[in-house]
Amino acid sequence: MTQTDLSPTRPYLARAIYEWICDNQLTPYLLVDATQANVHVPPQHIKDGQIVLNITPHAVHKFQIEHTAIHFNARFGGVAQDIYVPMSAVMGIYSRENGQGLFFDPQEYEHYTMPSEDALAETQAAQTDTKKKPTLRILD
């Protein structure tokens, strides 16, 4: 496997930093490049092509960090909205209180083609099918 065949580190690092921020009772903020394709965020909150989203667990619903995107539901002005941020549009994740976190290389996804969520699900299903299914055995 060559260096260009490797998957980006961004989803893994974003997940780890998010957990670290939450574990330390800090407020995680997500910095998003709102100019990228397929970004679904409230347009009225975009400034200079970017948006900062508060992703603290009590502020979001159905929060998911996946290989291809971060998505969740949140209220803006009392109106629930579905938020979808492709991983390539994630510019950083950091703590509101102290600014600690990670800001990502904007060129990480330049030569990487994102697999679809369906393709990832099929790959995971195929890997699961080849593994031996767990069984429960009662011992006397």
N, C-alpha and C. Protein backbone atom coordinates (compact mmCIF):
# COMPACT_ATOMS: atom_id res chain seq x y z
N MET A 1 0.86 -1.17 0.00
CA MET A 1 0.00 0.00 0.00
C MET A 1 0.90 1.23 0.00
N THR A 2 0.67 2.13 -0.93
CA THR A 2 1.47 3.35 -1.00
C THR A 2 0.86 4.43 -0.13
N GLN A 3 1.62 5.49 0.06
CA GLN A 3 1.17 6.61 0.89
C GLN A 3 -0.13 7.20 0.35
N THR A 4 -0.30 7.24 -0.97
CA THR A 4 -1.51 7.83 -1.57
C THR A 4 -2.72 6.91 -1.43
N ASP A 5 -2.52 5.63 -1.13
CA ASP A 5 -3.63 4.69 -0.97
C ASP A 5 -4.23 4.72 0.44
N LEU A 6 -3.54 5.36 1.36
CA LEU A 6 -4.01 5.39 2.74
C LEU A 6 -5.23 6.29 2.88
N SER A 7 -6.12 5.90 3.76
CA SER A 7 -7.28 6.75 4.02
C SER A 7 -6.83 7.94 4.87
N PRO A 8 -7.55 9.05 4.76
CA PRO A 8 -7.19 10.23 5.55
C PRO A 8 -7.31 9.98 7.05
N THR A 9 -6.52 10.69 7.81
CA THR A 9 -6.53 10.55 9.27
C THR A 9 -7.62 11.41 9.92
N ARG A 10 -8.17 12.34 9.17
CA ARG A 10 -9.09 13.33 9.75
C ARG A 10 -10.26 12.73 10.54
N PRO A 11 -10.99 11.72 10.03
CA PRO A 11 -12.11 11.22 10.82
C PRO A 11 -11.67 10.60 12.15
N TYR A 12 -10.52 9.95 12.16
CA TYR A 12 -10.02 9.31 13.37
C TYR A 12 -9.59 10.37 14.39
N LEU A 13 -8.87 11.36 13.92
CA LEU A 13 -8.39 12.41 14.82
C LEU A 13 -9.55 13.27 15.33
N ALA A 14 -10.51 13.56 14.46
CA ALA A 14 -11.68 14.36 14.88
C ALA A 14 -12.43 13.63 15.99
N ARG A 15 -12.62 12.33 15.82
CA ARG A 15 -13.33 11.53 16.83
C ARG A 15 -12.58 11.55 18.15
N ALA A 16 -11.27 11.38 18.10
CA ALA A 16 -10.46 11.36 19.32
C ALA A 16 -10.46 12.71 20.03
N ILE A 17 -10.30 13.79 19.29
CA ILE A 17 -10.29 15.12 19.91
C ILE A 17 -11.66 15.45 20.47
N TYR A 18 -12.72 15.09 19.77
CA TYR A 18 -14.08 15.33 20.28
C TYR A 18 -14.26 14.62 21.63
N GLU A 19 -13.85 13.37 21.71
CA GLU A 19 -13.97 12.62 22.97
C GLU A 19 -13.12 13.25 24.07
N TRP A 20 -11.91 13.69 23.75
CA TRP A 20 -11.03 14.30 24.74
C TRP A 20 -11.67 15.59 25.28
N ILE A 21 -12.20 16.41 24.39
CA ILE A 21 -12.84 17.66 24.80
C ILE A 21 -14.03 17.37 25.72
N CYS A 22 -14.88 16.44 25.33
CA CYS A 22 -16.06 16.09 26.14
C CYS A 22 -15.65 15.47 27.47
N ASP A 23 -14.65 14.59 27.47
CA ASP A 23 -14.19 13.96 28.70
C ASP A 23 -13.67 14.98 29.71
N ASN A 24 -13.19 16.11 29.23
CA ASN A 24 -12.67 17.15 30.10
C ASN A 24 -13.70 18.24 30.38
N GLN A 25 -14.96 17.95 30.12
CA GLN A 25 -16.08 18.86 30.37
C GLN A 25 -15.87 20.23 29.72
N LEU A 26 -15.31 20.22 28.52
CA LEU A 26 -15.14 21.44 27.73
C LEU A 26 -16.18 21.45 26.61
N THR A 27 -16.27 22.54 25.89
CA THR A 27 -17.27 22.68 24.83
C THR A 27 -16.61 22.48 23.47
N PRO A 28 -16.96 21.41 22.75
CA PRO A 28 -16.35 21.18 21.43
C PRO A 28 -16.99 22.07 20.36
N TYR A 29 -16.15 22.72 19.61
CA TYR A 29 -16.58 23.53 18.47
C TYR A 29 -16.04 22.88 17.19
N LEU A 30 -16.85 22.92 16.15
CA LEU A 30 -16.47 22.38 14.85
C LEU A 30 -16.36 23.54 13.87
N LEU A 31 -15.19 23.71 13.27
CA LEU A 31 -14.96 24.75 12.27
C LEU A 31 -15.13 24.12 10.89
N VAL A 32 -16.03 24.70 10.10
CA VAL A 32 -16.43 24.10 8.82
C VAL A 32 -16.19 25.07 7.66
N ASP A 33 -15.66 24.54 6.56
CA ASP A 33 -15.58 25.28 5.31
C ASP A 33 -16.93 25.13 4.62
N ALA A 34 -17.77 26.13 4.76
CA ALA A 34 -19.15 26.06 4.25
C ALA A 34 -19.24 26.25 2.74
N THR A 35 -18.11 26.49 2.08
CA THR A 35 -18.13 26.68 0.62
C THR A 35 -18.03 25.36 -0.13
N GLN A 36 -17.69 24.30 0.56
CA GLN A 36 -17.52 23.00 -0.11
C GLN A 36 -18.87 22.38 -0.48
N ALA A 37 -18.82 21.51 -1.46
CA ALA A 37 -20.03 20.82 -1.93
C ALA A 37 -20.61 19.93 -0.84
N ASN A 38 -21.90 19.81 -0.82
CA ASN A 38 -22.67 18.92 0.06
C ASN A 38 -22.66 19.31 1.54
N VAL A 39 -22.16 20.51 1.87
CA VAL A 39 -22.23 20.99 3.25
C VAL A 39 -23.65 21.49 3.47
N HIS A 40 -24.29 20.99 4.52
CA HIS A 40 -25.66 21.42 4.85
C HIS A 40 -25.63 22.01 6.26
N VAL A 41 -25.55 23.34 6.31
CA VAL A 41 -25.54 24.10 7.56
C VAL A 41 -26.46 25.30 7.38
N PRO A 42 -26.88 25.94 8.47
CA PRO A 42 -27.75 27.11 8.34
C PRO A 42 -27.00 28.26 7.64
N PRO A 43 -27.44 28.66 6.46
CA PRO A 43 -26.69 29.68 5.71
C PRO A 43 -26.62 31.04 6.41
N GLN A 44 -27.59 31.35 7.24
CA GLN A 44 -27.60 32.65 7.91
C GLN A 44 -26.47 32.79 8.94
N HIS A 45 -25.84 31.67 9.31
CA HIS A 45 -24.76 31.71 10.30
C HIS A 45 -23.37 31.60 9.67
N ILE A 46 -23.30 31.55 8.35
CA ILE A 46 -22.02 31.45 7.65
C ILE A 46 -21.39 32.85 7.58
N LYS A 47 -20.11 32.92 7.95
CA LYS A 47 -19.36 34.18 7.86
C LYS A 47 -18.04 33.91 7.15
N ASP A 48 -17.79 34.67 6.11
CA ASP A 48 -16.55 34.53 5.33
C ASP A 48 -16.35 33.10 4.85
N GLY A 49 -17.43 32.41 4.48
CA GLY A 49 -17.35 31.05 3.95
C GLY A 49 -17.16 29.98 5.00
N GLN A 50 -17.20 30.37 6.28
CA GLN A 50 -16.99 29.41 7.35
C GLN A 50 -18.13 29.50 8.36
N ILE A 51 -18.28 28.42 9.11
CA ILE A 51 -19.24 28.40 10.21
C ILE A 51 -18.62 27.63 11.36
N VAL A 52 -18.89 28.10 12.57
CA VAL A 52 -18.44 27.40 13.77
C VAL A 52 -19.68 26.84 14.45
N LEU A 53 -19.68 25.53 14.69
CA LEU A 53 -20.84 24.86 15.28
C LEU A 53 -20.49 24.33 16.66
N ASN A 54 -21.37 24.59 17.62
CA ASN A 54 -21.24 24.04 18.96
C ASN A 54 -21.76 22.61 18.90
N ILE A 55 -20.88 21.64 19.15
CA ILE A 55 -21.29 20.23 19.04
C ILE A 55 -21.23 19.52 20.38
N THR A 56 -21.46 20.29 21.46
CA THR A 56 -21.51 19.67 22.78
C THR A 56 -22.68 18.69 22.83
N PRO A 57 -22.54 17.56 23.52
CA PRO A 57 -23.58 16.53 23.49
C PRO A 57 -25.00 17.02 23.83
N HIS A 58 -25.15 17.97 24.74
CA HIS A 58 -26.50 18.43 25.07
C HIS A 58 -27.07 19.43 24.05
N ALA A 59 -26.24 19.87 23.08
CA ALA A 59 -26.70 20.82 22.07
C ALA A 59 -27.06 20.14 20.75
N VAL A 60 -26.72 18.86 20.62
CA VAL A 60 -26.97 18.15 19.36
C VAL A 60 -27.71 16.84 19.63
N HIS A 61 -28.33 16.32 18.58
CA HIS A 61 -29.08 15.08 18.66
C HIS A 61 -28.61 14.17 17.52
N LYS A 62 -28.46 12.88 17.80
CA LYS A 62 -28.04 11.90 16.80
C LYS A 62 -26.68 12.25 16.18
N PHE A 63 -25.74 12.66 17.02
CA PHE A 63 -24.41 13.06 16.57
C PHE A 63 -23.63 11.84 16.10
N GLN A 64 -23.06 11.93 14.90
CA GLN A 64 -22.26 10.84 14.33
C GLN A 64 -21.01 11.40 13.66
N ILE A 65 -19.87 10.83 13.98
CA ILE A 65 -18.64 11.11 13.24
C ILE A 65 -18.35 9.83 12.46
N GLU A 66 -18.52 9.89 11.17
CA GLU A 66 -18.29 8.73 10.30
C GLU A 66 -17.06 8.98 9.44
N HIS A 67 -16.67 8.01 8.65
CA HIS A 67 -15.50 8.16 7.78
C HIS A 67 -15.68 9.26 6.76
N THR A 68 -16.90 9.44 6.28
CA THR A 68 -17.13 10.39 5.20
C THR A 68 -17.70 11.73 5.65
N ALA A 69 -18.29 11.79 6.85
CA ALA A 69 -18.95 13.03 7.26
C ALA A 69 -19.23 13.05 8.75
N ILE A 70 -19.52 14.26 9.22
CA ILE A 70 -20.07 14.46 10.56
C ILE A 70 -21.50 14.94 10.35
N HIS A 71 -22.45 14.30 11.01
CA HIS A 71 -23.83 14.76 10.85
C HIS A 71 -24.57 14.64 12.17
N PHE A 72 -25.57 15.51 12.32
CA PHE A 72 -26.35 15.57 13.55
C PHE A 72 -27.55 16.48 13.33
N ASN A 73 -28.37 16.56 14.35
CA ASN A 73 -29.51 17.45 14.33
C ASN A 73 -29.30 18.46 15.46
N ALA A 74 -29.59 19.74 15.17
CA ALA A 74 -29.44 20.79 16.19
C ALA A 74 -30.49 21.86 15.94
N ARG A 75 -30.73 22.65 16.97
CA ARG A 75 -31.70 23.74 16.88
C ARG A 75 -30.97 25.06 16.63
N PHE A 76 -31.49 25.81 15.70
CA PHE A 76 -31.00 27.14 15.39
C PHE A 76 -32.21 28.06 15.42
N GLY A 77 -32.21 29.00 16.36
CA GLY A 77 -33.37 29.88 16.53
C GLY A 77 -34.63 29.10 16.86
N GLY A 78 -34.48 27.98 17.58
CA GLY A 78 -35.61 27.17 17.98
C GLY A 78 -36.11 26.21 16.92
N VAL A 79 -35.48 26.21 15.75
CA VAL A 79 -35.90 25.34 14.65
C VAL A 79 -34.88 24.21 14.48
N ALA A 80 -35.36 22.97 14.55
CA ALA A 80 -34.49 21.81 14.39
C ALA A 80 -34.04 21.71 12.93
N GLN A 81 -32.74 21.47 12.75
CA GLN A 81 -32.18 21.33 11.40
C GLN A 81 -31.22 20.16 11.37
N ASP A 82 -31.20 19.46 10.24
CA ASP A 82 -30.23 18.41 10.02
C ASP A 82 -28.95 19.05 9.48
N ILE A 83 -27.84 18.76 10.11
CA ILE A 83 -26.54 19.30 9.73
C ILE A 83 -25.72 18.17 9.13
N TYR A 84 -25.09 18.45 8.00
CA TYR A 84 -24.26 17.46 7.33
C TYR A 84 -22.98 18.15 6.88
N VAL A 85 -21.83 17.63 7.34
CA VAL A 85 -20.54 18.21 7.00
C VAL A 85 -19.64 17.10 6.46
N PRO A 86 -19.37 17.10 5.15
CA PRO A 86 -18.43 16.11 4.62
C PRO A 86 -17.09 16.26 5.34
N MET A 87 -16.41 15.18 5.55
CA MET A 87 -15.16 15.21 6.30
C MET A 87 -14.15 16.16 5.65
N SER A 88 -14.17 16.28 4.35
CA SER A 88 -13.23 17.18 3.67
C SER A 88 -13.51 18.65 4.00
N ALA A 89 -14.70 18.98 4.50
CA ALA A 89 -15.04 20.36 4.86
C ALA A 89 -14.75 20.67 6.33
N VAL A 90 -14.35 19.66 7.09
CA VAL A 90 -14.01 19.87 8.51
C VAL A 90 -12.63 20.52 8.56
N MET A 91 -12.60 21.75 9.03
CA MET A 91 -11.34 22.49 9.10
C MET A 91 -10.65 22.31 10.46
N GLY A 92 -11.46 22.06 11.49
CA GLY A 92 -10.88 21.88 12.81
C GLY A 92 -11.92 21.54 13.83
N ILE A 93 -11.46 21.02 14.94
CA ILE A 93 -12.31 20.74 16.09
C ILE A 93 -11.50 21.16 17.31
N TYR A 94 -12.11 22.01 18.14
CA TYR A 94 -11.36 22.59 19.24
C TYR A 94 -12.28 22.95 20.40
N SER A 95 -11.67 23.24 21.54
CA SER A 95 -12.41 23.60 22.74
C SER A 95 -12.67 25.11 22.76
N ARG A 96 -13.90 25.49 23.06
CA ARG A 96 -14.25 26.90 23.18
C ARG A 96 -13.46 27.56 24.30
N GLU A 97 -13.29 26.85 25.41
CA GLU A 97 -12.70 27.45 26.60
C GLU A 97 -11.22 27.79 26.46
N ASN A 98 -10.45 26.94 25.79
CA ASN A 98 -9.01 27.18 25.73
C ASN A 98 -8.41 27.10 24.32
N GLY A 99 -9.24 26.80 23.32
CA GLY A 99 -8.75 26.76 21.94
C GLY A 99 -7.94 25.52 21.60
N GLN A 100 -7.78 24.60 22.54
CA GLN A 100 -7.01 23.39 22.26
C GLN A 100 -7.83 22.45 21.38
N GLY A 101 -7.16 21.83 20.45
CA GLY A 101 -7.80 20.90 19.54
C GLY A 101 -6.91 20.67 18.35
N LEU A 102 -7.51 20.40 17.21
CA LEU A 102 -6.75 20.17 15.98
C LEU A 102 -7.36 20.96 14.84
N PHE A 103 -6.48 21.50 14.00
CA PHE A 103 -6.89 22.14 12.76
C PHE A 103 -6.22 21.34 11.66
N PHE A 104 -6.98 21.01 10.63
CA PHE A 104 -6.53 20.02 9.66
C PHE A 104 -5.94 20.65 8.41
N ASP A 105 -5.06 19.89 7.77
CA ASP A 105 -4.45 20.28 6.50
C ASP A 105 -5.56 20.35 5.45
N PRO A 106 -5.80 21.52 4.87
CA PRO A 106 -6.89 21.64 3.90
C PRO A 106 -6.66 20.82 2.62
N GLN A 107 -5.43 20.39 2.39
CA GLN A 107 -5.12 19.64 1.17
C GLN A 107 -5.17 18.12 1.37
N GLU A 108 -5.53 17.67 2.56
CA GLU A 108 -5.53 16.23 2.85
C GLU A 108 -6.44 15.46 1.90
N TYR A 109 -7.53 16.06 1.46
CA TYR A 109 -8.50 15.36 0.63
C TYR A 109 -8.37 15.68 -0.87
N GLU A 110 -7.33 16.43 -1.25
CA GLU A 110 -7.19 16.83 -2.66
C GLU A 110 -7.17 15.65 -3.63
N HIS A 111 -6.46 14.60 -3.29
CA HIS A 111 -6.29 13.47 -4.21
C HIS A 111 -6.95 12.21 -3.69
N TYR A 112 -7.90 12.38 -2.78
CA TYR A 112 -8.57 11.24 -2.19
C TYR A 112 -10.03 11.24 -2.62
N THR A 113 -10.50 10.11 -3.12
CA THR A 113 -11.90 9.97 -3.50
C THR A 113 -12.63 9.30 -2.35
N MET A 114 -13.61 10.00 -1.81
CA MET A 114 -14.36 9.48 -0.67
C MET A 114 -15.26 8.33 -1.11
N PRO A 115 -15.21 7.20 -0.40
CA PRO A 115 -16.17 6.14 -0.69
C PRO A 115 -17.54 6.56 -0.18
N SER A 116 -18.57 6.06 -0.80
CA SER A 116 -19.92 6.38 -0.34
C SER A 116 -20.19 5.63 0.96
N GLU A 117 -21.16 6.11 1.73
CA GLU A 117 -21.54 5.42 2.97
C GLU A 117 -22.03 4.01 2.64
N ASP A 118 -22.71 3.84 1.50
CA ASP A 118 -23.19 2.51 1.09
C ASP A 118 -22.02 1.56 0.85
N ALA A 119 -20.97 2.06 0.19
CA ALA A 119 -19.80 1.23 -0.08
C ALA A 119 -19.11 0.84 1.22
N LEU A 120 -19.01 1.78 2.16
CA LEU A 120 -18.42 1.46 3.46
C LEU A 120 -19.25 0.42 4.20
N ALA A 121 -20.57 0.56 4.16
CA ALA A 121 -21.45 -0.38 4.84
C ALA A 121 -21.32 -1.78 4.22
N GLU A 122 -21.21 -1.85 2.89
CA GLU A 122 -21.04 -3.14 2.22
C GLU A 122 -19.73 -3.80 2.62
N THR A 123 -18.66 -3.01 2.69
CA THR A 123 -17.35 -3.53 3.09
C THR A 123 -17.40 -4.08 4.51
N GLN A 124 -18.03 -3.32 5.41
CA GLN A 124 -18.14 -3.76 6.80
C GLN A 124 -19.01 -5.01 6.90
N ALA A 125 -20.08 -5.09 6.13
CA ALA A 125 -20.95 -6.27 6.15
C ALA A 125 -20.19 -7.49 5.63
N ALA A 126 -19.41 -7.32 4.59
CA ALA A 126 -18.63 -8.44 4.04
C ALA A 126 -17.61 -8.93 5.05
N GLN A 127 -16.96 -7.99 5.77
CA GLN A 127 -15.99 -8.39 6.78
C GLN A 127 -16.68 -9.12 7.92
N THR A 128 -17.87 -8.69 8.29
CA THR A 128 -18.62 -9.32 9.37
C THR A 128 -19.05 -10.73 8.98
N ASP A 129 -19.46 -10.90 7.71
CA ASP A 129 -19.91 -12.21 7.25
C ASP A 129 -18.80 -13.24 7.27
N THR A 130 -17.55 -12.81 7.07
CA THR A 130 -16.45 -13.76 7.03
C THR A 130 -15.97 -14.15 8.42
N LYS A 131 -16.34 -13.38 9.43
CA LYS A 131 -15.96 -13.70 10.80
C LYS A 131 -16.94 -14.72 11.37
N LYS A 132 -16.43 -15.53 12.29
CA LYS A 132 -17.28 -16.51 12.95
C LYS A 132 -18.26 -15.78 13.86
N LYS A 133 -19.51 -16.13 13.78
CA LYS A 133 -20.55 -15.51 14.60
C LYS A 133 -20.38 -15.96 16.05
N PRO A 134 -20.56 -15.05 17.00
CA PRO A 134 -20.44 -15.44 18.40
C PRO A 134 -21.61 -16.35 18.82
N THR A 135 -21.32 -17.23 19.71
CA THR A 135 -22.36 -18.13 20.22
C THR A 135 -22.33 -18.09 21.74
N LEU A 136 -23.47 -18.42 22.32
CA LEU A 136 -23.58 -18.47 23.77
C LEU A 136 -23.71 -19.93 24.19
N ARG A 137 -22.90 -20.29 25.15
CA ARG A 137 -22.93 -21.67 25.63
C ARG A 137 -23.13 -21.63 27.12
N ILE A 138 -24.09 -22.39 27.63
CA ILE A 138 -24.38 -22.46 29.05
C ILE A 138 -23.52 -23.53 29.68
N LEU A 139 -22.81 -23.15 30.71
CA LEU A 139 -21.93 -24.09 31.41
C LEU A 139 -22.59 -24.52 32.71
N ASP A 140 -22.46 -25.76 33.06
CA ASP A 140 -23.02 -26.27 34.32
C ASP A 140 -22.03 -26.12 35.43
